[in-house]
Amino acid sequence: NDQLPRWSNHGNWISVGAPGVDIYSTLPGDNYGYESGTSSAAALVSGEAALLFTIVTDTNGNGCINDEVRDRIEGNCDDVKIEGLGKGRINALKAAGAMDINSSHQSFCSGSLD
């Protein structure tokens, strides 16, 4: 519902926000259920980044793709009009759709393990 929970981090140091309330997830004991918290939100941002790392291209030629991934995440957020939420709520579909699909392998950054 795009409301900021009382326990949520917010402020001028925040880049993006992600849903963190009633997230369906794995639970101990081979179970599934709903959880809330910043850990749930962080997993969504990490998942979006992982998805984008598989399709991003090195557009600025610096040998790294982490900067393009960050730009895609931040540049394709939905504006939810919440102060202190950075660029807004992440939108993985919009971020992935805004990219050219790359079929060749690229390293995350020059010097990393290939």
PDB file of N, CA and C in Angstrom:
ATOM      1  N   ASN A   1       0.813  -1.211   0.000  1.00  0.00           N
ATOM      2  CA  ASN A   1       0.000   0.000   0.000  1.00  0.00           C
ATOM      3  C   ASN A   1       0.851   1.267   0.000  1.00  0.00           C
ATOM      4  N   ASP A   2       2.144   1.104  -0.217  1.00  0.00           N
ATOM      5  CA  ASP A   2       3.072   2.237  -0.298  1.00  0.00           C
ATOM      6  C   ASP A   2       3.022   3.154   0.915  1.00  0.00           C
ATOM      7  N   GLN A   3       2.875   2.569   2.084  1.00  0.00           N
ATOM      8  CA  GLN A   3       2.978   3.306   3.340  1.00  0.00           C
ATOM      9  C   GLN A   3       4.324   2.967   3.967  1.00  0.00           C
ATOM     10  N   LEU A   4       4.934   3.930   4.628  1.00  0.00           N
ATOM     11  CA  LEU A   4       6.231   3.712   5.261  1.00  0.00           C
ATOM     12  C   LEU A   4       6.007   3.156   6.670  1.00  0.00           C
ATOM     13  N   PRO A   5       6.420   1.909   6.930  1.00  0.00           N
ATOM     14  CA  PRO A   5       6.256   1.353   8.281  1.00  0.00           C
ATOM     15  C   PRO A   5       7.075   2.131   9.300  1.00  0.00           C
ATOM     16  N   ARG A   6       6.664   2.107  10.532  1.00  0.00           N
ATOM     17  CA  ARG A   6       7.365   2.857  11.593  1.00  0.00           C
ATOM     18  C   ARG A   6       8.811   2.404  11.756  1.00  0.00           C
ATOM     19  N   TRP A   7       9.099   1.136  11.469  1.00  0.00           N
ATOM     20  CA  TRP A   7      10.436   0.592  11.651  1.00  0.00           C
ATOM     21  C   TRP A   7      11.326   0.760  10.415  1.00  0.00           C
ATOM     22  N   SER A   8      10.804   1.324   9.361  1.00  0.00           N
ATOM     23  CA  SER A   8      11.536   1.433   8.112  1.00  0.00           C
ATOM     24  C   SER A   8      12.632   2.486   8.173  1.00  0.00           C
ATOM     25  N   ASN A   9      13.738   2.207   7.492  1.00  0.00           N
ATOM     26  CA  ASN A   9      14.794   3.205   7.335  1.00  0.00           C
ATOM     27  C   ASN A   9      14.358   4.213   6.289  1.00  0.00           C
ATOM     28  N   HIS A  10      14.588   5.473   6.559  1.00  0.00           N
ATOM     29  CA  HIS A  10      14.302   6.510   5.585  1.00  0.00           C
ATOM     30  C   HIS A  10      15.143   7.734   5.918  1.00  0.00           C
ATOM     31  N   GLY A  11      15.425   8.514   4.905  1.00  0.00           N
ATOM     32  CA  GLY A  11      16.248   9.708   5.083  1.00  0.00           C
ATOM     33  C   GLY A  11      17.026  10.003   3.821  1.00  0.00           C
ATOM     34  N   ASN A  12      17.858  11.034   3.867  1.00  0.00           N
ATOM     35  CA  ASN A  12      18.570  11.457   2.664  1.00  0.00           C
ATOM     36  C   ASN A  12      19.687  10.494   2.254  1.00  0.00           C
ATOM     37  N   TRP A  13      20.009   9.503   3.056  1.00  0.00           N
ATOM     38  CA  TRP A  13      21.033   8.513   2.725  1.00  0.00           C
ATOM     39  C   TRP A  13      20.448   7.287   2.012  1.00  0.00           C
ATOM     40  N   ILE A  14      19.147   7.226   1.877  1.00  0.00           N
ATOM     41  CA  ILE A  14      18.487   6.085   1.248  1.00  0.00           C
ATOM     42  C   ILE A  14      18.447   6.283  -0.270  1.00  0.00           C
ATOM     43  N   SER A  15      18.836   5.261  -1.024  1.00  0.00           N
ATOM     44  CA  SER A  15      18.820   5.335  -2.489  1.00  0.00           C
ATOM     45  C   SER A  15      17.482   4.914  -3.061  1.00  0.00           C
ATOM     46  N   VAL A  16      16.955   3.790  -2.587  1.00  0.00           N
ATOM     47  CA  VAL A  16      15.694   3.241  -3.092  1.00  0.00           C
ATOM     48  C   VAL A  16      14.948   2.575  -1.940  1.00  0.00           C
ATOM     49  N   GLY A  17      13.669   2.331  -2.164  1.00  0.00           N
ATOM     50  CA  GLY A  17      12.861   1.593  -1.201  1.00  0.00           C
ATOM     51  C   GLY A  17      12.323   0.327  -1.844  1.00  0.00           C
ATOM     52  N   ALA A  18      11.939  -0.619  -0.998  1.00  0.00           N
ATOM     53  CA  ALA A  18      11.368  -1.875  -1.482  1.00  0.00           C
ATOM     54  C   ALA A  18      10.301  -2.334  -0.507  1.00  0.00           C
ATOM     55  N   PRO A  19       9.324  -3.087  -1.004  1.00  0.00           N
ATOM     56  CA  PRO A  19       8.293  -3.615  -0.105  1.00  0.00           C
ATOM     57  C   PRO A  19       8.922  -4.447   1.009  1.00  0.00           C
ATOM     58  N   GLY A  20       8.416  -4.287   2.219  1.00  0.00           N
ATOM     59  CA  GLY A  20       8.967  -5.031   3.347  1.00  0.00           C
ATOM     60  C   GLY A  20       7.914  -5.498   4.330  1.00  0.00           C
ATOM     61  N   VAL A  21       6.649  -5.414   3.952  1.00  0.00           N
ATOM     62  CA  VAL A  21       5.561  -5.819   4.839  1.00  0.00           C
ATOM     63  C   VAL A  21       4.807  -6.981   4.192  1.00  0.00           C
ATOM     64  N   ASP A  22       4.604  -8.039   4.974  1.00  0.00           N
ATOM     65  CA  ASP A  22       3.865  -9.224   4.513  1.00  0.00           C
ATOM     66  C   ASP A  22       4.440  -9.802   3.229  1.00  0.00           C
ATOM     67  N   ILE A  23       5.737 -10.068   3.237  1.00  0.00           N
ATOM     68  CA  ILE A  23       6.426 -10.662   2.099  1.00  0.00           C
ATOM     69  C   ILE A  23       6.412 -12.180   2.268  1.00  0.00           C
ATOM     70  N   TYR A  24       5.861 -12.885   1.303  1.00  0.00           N
ATOM     71  CA  TYR A  24       5.806 -14.347   1.342  1.00  0.00           C
ATOM     72  C   TYR A  24       7.209 -14.889   1.153  1.00  0.00           C
ATOM     73  N   SER A  25       7.663 -15.722   2.077  1.00  0.00           N
ATOM     74  CA  SER A  25       9.056 -16.143   2.086  1.00  0.00           C
ATOM     75  C   SER A  25       9.204 -17.531   2.691  1.00  0.00           C
ATOM     76  N   THR A  26      10.421 -18.033   2.624  1.00  0.00           N
ATOM     77  CA  THR A  26      10.733 -19.292   3.286  1.00  0.00           C
ATOM     78  C   THR A  26      10.872 -19.060   4.783  1.00  0.00           C
ATOM     79  N   LEU A  27      10.512 -20.068   5.553  1.00  0.00           N
ATOM     80  CA  LEU A  27      10.615 -20.027   7.014  1.00  0.00           C
ATOM     81  C   LEU A  27      11.339 -21.284   7.494  1.00  0.00           C
ATOM     82  N   PRO A  28      11.844 -21.277   8.704  1.00  0.00           N
ATOM     83  CA  PRO A  28      12.505 -22.476   9.228  1.00  0.00           C
ATOM     84  C   PRO A  28      11.576 -23.695   9.198  1.00  0.00           C
ATOM     85  N   GLY A  29      12.176 -24.857   9.088  1.00  0.00           N
ATOM     86  CA  GLY A  29      11.412 -26.095   9.110  1.00  0.00           C
ATOM     87  C   GLY A  29      10.721 -26.412   7.802  1.00  0.00           C
ATOM     88  N   ASP A  30      11.304 -25.999   6.678  1.00  0.00           N
ATOM     89  CA  ASP A  30      10.711 -26.243   5.358  1.00  0.00           C
ATOM     90  C   ASP A  30       9.305 -25.685   5.240  1.00  0.00           C
ATOM     91  N   ASN A  31       9.095 -24.520   5.779  1.00  0.00           N
ATOM     92  CA  ASN A  31       7.790 -23.873   5.735  1.00  0.00           C
ATOM     93  C   ASN A  31       7.858 -22.577   4.946  1.00  0.00           C
ATOM     94  N   TYR A  32       6.673 -22.046   4.650  1.00  0.00           N
ATOM     95  CA  TYR A  32       6.526 -20.768   3.984  1.00  0.00           C
ATOM     96  C   TYR A  32       5.537 -19.932   4.774  1.00  0.00           C
ATOM     97  N   GLY A  33       5.721 -18.631   4.710  1.00  0.00           N
ATOM     98  CA  GLY A  33       4.796 -17.750   5.396  1.00  0.00           C
ATOM     99  C   GLY A  33       5.151 -16.303   5.127  1.00  0.00           C
ATOM    100  N   TYR A  34       4.466 -15.424   5.806  1.00  0.00           N
ATOM    101  CA  TYR A  34       4.646 -13.990   5.603  1.00  0.00           C
ATOM    102  C   TYR A  34       5.556 -13.417   6.674  1.00  0.00           C
ATOM    103  N   GLU A  35       6.492 -12.598   6.242  1.00  0.00           N
ATOM    104  CA  GLU A  35       7.423 -11.913   7.125  1.00  0.00           C
ATOM    105  C   GLU A  35       7.439 -10.430   6.774  1.00  0.00           C
ATOM    106  N   SER A  36       7.828  -9.625   7.730  1.00  0.00           N
ATOM    107  CA  SER A  36       7.974  -8.186   7.510  1.00  0.00           C
ATOM    108  C   SER A  36       9.301  -7.731   8.077  1.00  0.00           C
ATOM    109  N   GLY A  37       9.888  -6.726   7.454  1.00  0.00           N
ATOM    110  CA  GLY A  37      11.125  -6.154   7.966  1.00  0.00           C
ATOM    111  C   GLY A  37      12.054  -5.717   6.862  1.00  0.00           C
ATOM    112  N   THR A  38      13.106  -5.039   7.263  1.00  0.00           N
ATOM    113  CA  THR A  38      14.070  -4.549   6.287  1.00  0.00           C
ATOM    114  C   THR A  38      14.819  -5.691   5.617  1.00  0.00           C
ATOM    115  N   SER A  39      14.941  -6.830   6.291  1.00  0.00           N
ATOM    116  CA  SER A  39      15.591  -7.986   5.659  1.00  0.00           C
ATOM    117  C   SER A  39      14.786  -8.477   4.471  1.00  0.00           C
ATOM    118  N   SER A  40      13.474  -8.447   4.568  1.00  0.00           N
ATOM    119  CA  SER A  40      12.629  -8.835   3.438  1.00  0.00           C
ATOM    120  C   SER A  40      12.799  -7.854   2.287  1.00  0.00           C
ATOM    121  N   ALA A  41      12.848  -6.580   2.595  1.00  0.00           N
ATOM    122  CA  ALA A  41      13.013  -5.561   1.559  1.00  0.00           C
ATOM    123  C   ALA A  41      14.384  -5.667   0.902  1.00  0.00           C
ATOM    124  N   ALA A  42      15.421  -5.906   1.690  1.00  0.00           N
ATOM    125  CA  ALA A  42      16.775  -6.015   1.144  1.00  0.00           C
ATOM    126  C   ALA A  42      16.883  -7.178   0.168  1.00  0.00           C
ATOM    127  N   ALA A  43      16.190  -8.267   0.467  1.00  0.00           N
ATOM    128  CA  ALA A  43      16.222  -9.425  -0.427  1.00  0.00           C
ATOM    129  C   ALA A  43      15.614  -9.090  -1.790  1.00  0.00           C
ATOM    130  N   LEU A  44      14.602  -8.254  -1.802  1.00  0.00           N
ATOM    131  CA  LEU A  44      13.991  -7.871  -3.080  1.00  0.00           C
ATOM    132  C   LEU A  44      14.938  -7.014  -3.913  1.00  0.00           C
ATOM    133  N   VAL A  45      15.639  -6.103  -3.276  1.00  0.00           N
ATOM    134  CA  VAL A  45      16.605  -5.267  -3.995  1.00  0.00           C
ATOM    135  C   VAL A  45      17.769  -6.133  -4.498  1.00  0.00           C
ATOM    136  N   SER A  46      18.238  -7.050  -3.665  1.00  0.00           N
ATOM    137  CA  SER A  46      19.325  -7.951  -4.073  1.00  0.00           C
ATOM    138  C   SER A  46      18.897  -8.816  -5.246  1.00  0.00           C
ATOM    139  N   GLY A  47      17.676  -9.304  -5.208  1.00  0.00           N
ATOM    140  CA  GLY A  47      17.167 -10.115  -6.312  1.00  0.00           C
ATOM    141  C   GLY A  47      17.082  -9.332  -7.601  1.00  0.00           C
ATOM    142  N   GLU A  48      16.640  -8.081  -7.497  1.00  0.00           N
ATOM    143  CA  GLU A  48      16.588  -7.241  -8.702  1.00  0.00           C
ATOM    144  C   GLU A  48      17.991  -7.027  -9.257  1.00  0.00           C
ATOM    145  N   ALA A  49      18.945  -6.746  -8.382  1.00  0.00           N
ATOM    146  CA  ALA A  49      20.323  -6.550  -8.833  1.00  0.00           C
ATOM    147  C   ALA A  49      20.858  -7.814  -9.501  1.00  0.00           C
ATOM    148  N   ALA A  50      20.588  -8.981  -8.915  1.00  0.00           N
ATOM    149  CA  ALA A  50      21.049 -10.242  -9.501  1.00  0.00           C
ATOM    150  C   ALA A  50      20.461 -10.441 -10.896  1.00  0.00           C
ATOM    151  N   LEU A  51      19.183 -10.152 -11.050  1.00  0.00           N
ATOM    152  CA  LEU A  51      18.538 -10.248 -12.359  1.00  0.00           C
ATOM    153  C   LEU A  51      19.217  -9.323 -13.361  1.00  0.00           C
ATOM    154  N   LEU A  52      19.443  -8.095 -12.963  1.00  0.00           N
ATOM    155  CA  LEU A  52      20.028  -7.113 -13.874  1.00  0.00           C
ATOM    156  C   LEU A  52      21.469  -7.447 -14.236  1.00  0.00           C
ATOM    157  N   PHE A  53      22.211  -8.060 -13.306  1.00  0.00           N
ATOM    158  CA  PHE A  53      23.592  -8.451 -13.621  1.00  0.00           C
ATOM    159  C   PHE A  53      23.649  -9.474 -14.743  1.00  0.00           C
ATOM    160  N   THR A  54      22.569 -10.201 -14.980  1.00  0.00           N
ATOM    161  CA  THR A  54      22.572 -11.200 -16.047  1.00  0.00           C
ATOM    162  C   THR A  54      22.260 -10.598 -17.414  1.00  0.00           C
ATOM    163  N   ILE A  55      21.749  -9.382 -17.458  1.00  0.00           N
ATOM    164  CA  ILE A  55      21.340  -8.819 -18.745  1.00  0.00           C
ATOM    165  C   ILE A  55      21.945  -7.461 -19.062  1.00  0.00           C
ATOM    166  N   VAL A  56      22.640  -6.859 -18.131  1.00  0.00           N
ATOM    167  CA  VAL A  56      23.187  -5.516 -18.348  1.00  0.00           C
ATOM    168  C   VAL A  56      24.410  -5.558 -19.266  1.00  0.00           C
ATOM    169  N   THR A  57      24.647  -4.471 -19.938  1.00  0.00           N
ATOM    170  CA  THR A  57      25.862  -4.329 -20.747  1.00  0.00           C
ATOM    171  C   THR A  57      26.682  -3.161 -20.208  1.00  0.00           C
ATOM    172  N   ASP A  58      27.969  -3.211 -20.462  1.00  0.00           N
ATOM    173  CA  ASP A  58      28.883  -2.151 -20.021  1.00  0.00           C
ATOM    174  C   ASP A  58      28.767  -0.987 -20.996  1.00  0.00           C
ATOM    175  N   THR A  59      27.890  -0.049 -20.684  1.00  0.00           N
ATOM    176  CA  THR A  59      27.617   1.040 -21.624  1.00  0.00           C
ATOM    177  C   THR A  59      28.660   2.145 -21.608  1.00  0.00           C
ATOM    178  N   ASN A  60      29.427   2.257 -20.528  1.00  0.00           N
ATOM    179  CA  ASN A  60      30.406   3.342 -20.478  1.00  0.00           C
ATOM    180  C   ASN A  60      31.835   2.859 -20.708  1.00  0.00           C
ATOM    181  N   GLY A  61      32.022   1.560 -20.960  1.00  0.00           N
ATOM    182  CA  GLY A  61      33.327   1.034 -21.328  1.00  0.00           C
ATOM    183  C   GLY A  61      34.357   1.008 -20.229  1.00  0.00           C
ATOM    184  N   ASN A  62      33.932   1.080 -18.957  1.00  0.00           N
ATOM    185  CA  ASN A  62      34.908   1.079 -17.862  1.00  0.00           C
ATOM    186  C   ASN A  62      35.260  -0.325 -17.385  1.00  0.00           C
ATOM    187  N   GLY A  63      34.709  -1.357 -18.035  1.00  0.00           N
ATOM    188  CA  GLY A  63      35.009  -2.728 -17.658  1.00  0.00           C
ATOM    189  C   GLY A  63      34.179  -3.235 -16.490  1.00  0.00           C
ATOM    190  N   CYS A  64      33.333  -2.393 -15.945  1.00  0.00           N
ATOM    191  CA  CYS A  64      32.474  -2.760 -14.819  1.00  0.00           C
ATOM    192  C   CYS A  64      31.015  -2.680 -15.255  1.00  0.00           C
ATOM    193  N   ILE A  65      30.170  -3.497 -14.654  1.00  0.00           N
ATOM    194  CA  ILE A  65      28.742  -3.383 -14.937  1.00  0.00           C
ATOM    195  C   ILE A  65      27.939  -3.035 -13.693  1.00  0.00           C
ATOM    196  N   ASN A  66      28.602  -2.990 -12.539  1.00  0.00           N
ATOM    197  CA  ASN A  66      27.875  -2.657 -11.321  1.00  0.00           C
ATOM    198  C   ASN A  66      27.287  -1.250 -11.369  1.00  0.00           C
ATOM    199  N   ASP A  67      27.955  -0.322 -12.038  1.00  0.00           N
ATOM    200  CA  ASP A  67      27.427   1.038 -12.125  1.00  0.00           C
ATOM    201  C   ASP A  67      26.184   1.089 -13.014  1.00  0.00           C
ATOM    202  N   GLU A  68      26.159   0.296 -14.076  1.00  0.00           N
ATOM    203  CA  GLU A  68      24.965   0.240 -14.919  1.00  0.00           C
ATOM    204  C   GLU A  68      23.791  -0.404 -14.172  1.00  0.00           C
ATOM    205  N   VAL A  69      24.085  -1.430 -13.366  1.00  0.00           N
ATOM    206  CA  VAL A  69      23.023  -2.068 -12.580  1.00  0.00           C
ATOM    207  C   VAL A  69      22.418  -1.062 -11.608  1.00  0.00           C
ATOM    208  N   ARG A  70      23.259  -0.348 -10.901  1.00  0.00           N
ATOM    209  CA  ARG A  70      22.754   0.653  -9.949  1.00  0.00           C
ATOM    210  C   ARG A  70      21.931   1.718 -10.669  1.00  0.00           C
ATOM    211  N   ASP A  71      22.425   2.196 -11.801  1.00  0.00           N
ATOM    212  CA  ASP A  71      21.689   3.204 -12.568  1.00  0.00           C
ATOM    213  C   ASP A  71      20.310   2.689 -12.982  1.00  0.00           C
ATOM    214  N   ARG A  72      20.243   1.420 -13.397  1.00  0.00           N
ATOM    215  CA  ARG A  72      18.962   0.836 -13.810  1.00  0.00           C
ATOM    216  C   ARG A  72      18.011   0.715 -12.634  1.00  0.00           C
ATOM    217  N   ILE A  73      18.511   0.301 -11.486  1.00  0.00           N
ATOM    218  CA  ILE A  73      17.651   0.178 -10.307  1.00  0.00           C
ATOM    219  C   ILE A  73      17.116   1.550  -9.914  1.00  0.00           C
ATOM    220  N   GLU A  74      18.025   2.508  -9.758  1.00  0.00           N
ATOM    221  CA  GLU A  74      17.617   3.839  -9.308  1.00  0.00           C
ATOM    222  C   GLU A  74      16.811   4.589 -10.357  1.00  0.00           C
ATOM    223  N   GLY A  75      17.101   4.381 -11.615  1.00  0.00           N
ATOM    224  CA  GLY A  75      16.439   5.127 -12.675  1.00  0.00           C
ATOM    225  C   GLY A  75      15.072   4.600 -13.075  1.00  0.00           C
ATOM    226  N   ASN A  76      14.677   3.471 -12.532  1.00  0.00           N
ATOM    227  CA  ASN A  76      13.401   2.870 -12.925  1.00  0.00           C
ATOM    228  C   ASN A  76      12.485   2.608 -11.742  1.00  0.00           C
ATOM    229  N   CYS A  77      12.683   3.339 -10.674  1.00  0.00           N
ATOM    230  CA  CYS A  77      11.814   3.232  -9.503  1.00  0.00           C
ATOM    231  C   CYS A  77      10.475   3.909  -9.767  1.00  0.00           C
ATOM    232  N   ASP A  78       9.476   3.446  -9.047  1.00  0.00           N
ATOM    233  CA  ASP A  78       8.171   4.100  -9.080  1.00  0.00           C
ATOM    234  C   ASP A  78       8.152   5.188  -8.008  1.00  0.00           C
ATOM    235  N   ASP A  79       7.748   6.377  -8.388  1.00  0.00           N
ATOM    236  CA  ASP A  79       7.649   7.481  -7.443  1.00  0.00           C
ATOM    237  C   ASP A  79       6.414   7.273  -6.574  1.00  0.00           C
ATOM    238  N   VAL A  80       6.631   7.013  -5.296  1.00  0.00           N
ATOM    239  CA  VAL A  80       5.514   6.772  -4.379  1.00  0.00           C
ATOM    240  C   VAL A  80       5.276   7.971  -3.455  1.00  0.00           C
ATOM    241  N   LYS A  81       5.958   9.061  -3.753  1.00  0.00           N
ATOM    242  CA  LYS A  81       5.739  10.331  -3.044  1.00  0.00           C
ATOM    243  C   LYS A  81       5.935  10.200  -1.529  1.00  0.00           C
ATOM    244  N   ILE A  82       7.001   9.479  -1.128  1.00  0.00           N
ATOM    245  CA  ILE A  82       7.342   9.364   0.291  1.00  0.00           C
ATOM    246  C   ILE A  82       8.700  10.022   0.493  1.00  0.00           C
ATOM    247  N   GLU A  83       8.740  11.058   1.283  1.00  0.00           N
ATOM    248  CA  GLU A  83       9.993  11.761   1.553  1.00  0.00           C
ATOM    249  C   GLU A  83      10.953  10.841   2.303  1.00  0.00           C
ATOM    250  N   GLY A  84      12.212  10.873   1.909  1.00  0.00           N
ATOM    251  CA  GLY A  84      13.226  10.050   2.557  1.00  0.00           C
ATOM    252  C   GLY A  84      13.325   8.653   1.976  1.00  0.00           C
ATOM    253  N   LEU A  85      12.685   8.423   0.836  1.00  0.00           N
ATOM    254  CA  LEU A  85      12.718   7.105   0.210  1.00  0.00           C
ATOM    255  C   LEU A  85      13.540   7.129  -1.079  1.00  0.00           C
ATOM    256  N   GLY A  86      14.451   8.048  -1.183  1.00  0.00           N
ATOM    257  CA  GLY A  86      15.345   8.104  -2.332  1.00  0.00           C
ATOM    258  C   GLY A  86      14.595   8.258  -3.638  1.00  0.00           C
ATOM    259  N   LYS A  87      14.946   7.414  -4.602  1.00  0.00           N
ATOM    260  CA  LYS A  87      14.356   7.488  -5.939  1.00  0.00           C
ATOM    261  C   LYS A  87      12.947   6.904  -5.990  1.00  0.00           C
ATOM    262  N   GLY A  88      12.538   6.165  -4.952  1.00  0.00           N
ATOM    263  CA  GLY A  88      11.210   5.576  -4.921  1.00  0.00           C
ATOM    264  C   GLY A  88      11.251   4.085  -4.681  1.00  0.00           C
ATOM    265  N   ARG A  89      10.144   3.399  -5.002  1.00  0.00           N
ATOM    266  CA  ARG A  89      10.021   1.954  -4.819  1.00  0.00           C
ATOM    267  C   ARG A  89      10.583   1.240  -6.031  1.00  0.00           C
ATOM    268  N   ILE A  90      11.410   0.224  -5.795  1.00  0.00           N
ATOM    269  CA  ILE A  90      12.014  -0.515  -6.909  1.00  0.00           C
ATOM    270  C   ILE A  90      10.951  -1.113  -7.819  1.00  0.00           C
ATOM    271  N   ASN A  91      11.325  -1.252  -9.085  1.00  0.00           N
ATOM    272  CA  ASN A  91      10.442  -1.866 -10.070  1.00  0.00           C
ATOM    273  C   ASN A  91      11.317  -2.704 -10.998  1.00  0.00           C
ATOM    274  N   ALA A  92      11.451  -3.992 -10.684  1.00  0.00           N
ATOM    275  CA  ALA A  92      12.344  -4.874 -11.436  1.00  0.00           C
ATOM    276  C   ALA A  92      11.898  -5.036 -12.885  1.00  0.00           C
ATOM    277  N   LEU A  93      10.606  -5.120 -13.115  1.00  0.00           N
ATOM    278  CA  LEU A  93      10.116  -5.281 -14.483  1.00  0.00           C
ATOM    279  C   LEU A  93      10.499  -4.082 -15.345  1.00  0.00           C
ATOM    280  N   LYS A  94      10.299  -2.908 -14.807  1.00  0.00           N
ATOM    281  CA  LYS A  94      10.647  -1.692 -15.551  1.00  0.00           C
ATOM    282  C   LYS A  94      12.161  -1.616 -15.763  1.00  0.00           C
ATOM    283  N   ALA A  95      12.945  -1.956 -14.745  1.00  0.00           N
ATOM    284  CA  ALA A  95      14.405  -1.894 -14.866  1.00  0.00           C
ATOM    285  C   ALA A  95      14.914  -2.898 -15.890  1.00  0.00           C
ATOM    286  N   ALA A  96      14.393  -4.096 -15.879  1.00  0.00           N
ATOM    287  CA  ALA A  96      14.830  -5.117 -16.840  1.00  0.00           C
ATOM    288  C   ALA A  96      14.348  -4.782 -18.247  1.00  0.00           C
ATOM    289  N   GLY A  97      13.165  -4.239 -18.359  1.00  0.00           N
ATOM    290  CA  GLY A  97      12.625  -3.878 -19.659  1.00  0.00           C
ATOM    291  C   GLY A  97      13.335  -2.701 -20.286  1.00  0.00           C
ATOM    292  N   ALA A  98      14.031  -1.916 -19.487  1.00  0.00           N
ATOM    293  CA  ALA A  98      14.724  -0.742 -19.983  1.00  0.00           C
ATOM    294  C   ALA A  98      16.105  -1.080 -20.530  1.00  0.00           C
ATOM    295  N   MET A  99      16.475  -2.359 -20.517  1.00  0.00           N
ATOM    296  CA  MET A  99      17.820  -2.756 -20.909  1.00  0.00           C
ATOM    297  C   MET A  99      17.819  -3.506 -22.228  1.00  0.00           C
ATOM    298  N   ASP A 100      18.935  -3.425 -22.909  1.00  0.00           N
ATOM    299  CA  ASP A 100      19.172  -4.285 -24.052  1.00  0.00           C
ATOM    300  C   ASP A 100      19.682  -5.611 -23.518  1.00  0.00           C
ATOM    301  N   ILE A 101      19.109  -6.705 -23.955  1.00  0.00           N
ATOM    302  CA  ILE A 101      19.544  -8.020 -23.504  1.00  0.00           C
ATOM    303  C   ILE A 101      20.912  -8.319 -24.088  1.00  0.00           C
ATOM    304  N   ASN A 102      21.833  -8.777 -23.241  1.00  0.00           N
ATOM    305  CA  ASN A 102      23.186  -9.086 -23.657  1.00  0.00           C
ATOM    306  C   ASN A 102      23.392 -10.588 -23.561  1.00  0.00           C
ATOM    307  N   SER A 103      23.719 -11.223 -24.657  1.00  0.00           N
ATOM    308  CA  SER A 103      23.910 -12.670 -24.651  1.00  0.00           C
ATOM    309  C   SER A 103      25.354 -13.070 -24.368  1.00  0.00           C
ATOM    310  N   SER A 104      26.287 -12.149 -24.436  1.00  0.00           N
ATOM    311  CA  SER A 104      27.678 -12.500 -24.168  1.00  0.00           C
ATOM    312  C   SER A 104      27.993 -12.283 -22.693  1.00  0.00           C
ATOM    313  N   HIS A 105      28.961 -13.049 -22.194  1.00  0.00           N
ATOM    314  CA  HIS A 105      29.354 -12.951 -20.786  1.00  0.00           C
ATOM    315  C   HIS A 105      30.145 -11.673 -20.549  1.00  0.00           C
ATOM    316  N   GLN A 106      29.838 -11.008 -19.441  1.00  0.00           N
ATOM    317  CA  GLN A 106      30.633  -9.859 -19.014  1.00  0.00           C
ATOM    318  C   GLN A 106      30.963 -10.044 -17.549  1.00  0.00           C
ATOM    319  N   SER A 107      32.121  -9.605 -17.136  1.00  0.00           N
ATOM    320  CA  SER A 107      32.460  -9.681 -15.718  1.00  0.00           C
ATOM    321  C   SER A 107      31.784  -8.514 -14.995  1.00  0.00           C
ATOM    322  N   PHE A 108      31.607  -8.680 -13.692  1.00  0.00           N
ATOM    323  CA  PHE A 108      30.995  -7.627 -12.894  1.00  0.00           C
ATOM    324  C   PHE A 108      31.858  -6.377 -12.939  1.00  0.00           C
ATOM    325  N   CYS A 109      33.149  -6.550 -12.923  1.00  0.00           N
ATOM    326  CA  CYS A 109      34.084  -5.436 -12.982  1.00  0.00           C
ATOM    327  C   CYS A 109      35.428  -6.003 -13.411  1.00  0.00           C
ATOM    328  N   SER A 110      36.222  -5.221 -14.106  1.00  0.00           N
ATOM    329  CA  SER A 110      37.508  -5.737 -14.554  1.00  0.00           C
ATOM    330  C   SER A 110      38.327  -6.179 -13.342  1.00  0.00           C
ATOM    331  N   GLY A 111      38.997  -7.291 -13.500  1.00  0.00           N
ATOM    332  CA  GLY A 111      39.783  -7.820 -12.411  1.00  0.00           C
ATOM    333  C   GLY A 111      39.019  -8.833 -11.558  1.00  0.00           C
ATOM    334  N   SER A 112      37.720  -8.984 -11.790  1.00  0.00           N
ATOM    335  CA  SER A 112      36.961  -9.969 -11.019  1.00  0.00           C
ATOM    336  C   SER A 112      37.129 -11.338 -11.631  1.00  0.00           C
ATOM    337  N   LEU A 113      36.711 -12.355 -10.892  1.00  0.00           N
ATOM    338  CA  LEU A 113      36.766 -13.715 -11.407  1.00  0.00           C
ATOM    339  C   LEU A 113      35.766 -13.880 -12.533  1.00  0.00           C
ATOM    340  N   ASP A 114      36.184 -14.446 -13.631  1.00  0.00           N
ATOM    341  CA  ASP A 114      35.279 -14.692 -14.769  1.00  0.00           C
ATOM    342  C   ASP A 114      34.777 -16.104 -14.761  1.00  0.00           C
TER     343      ASP A 114
END
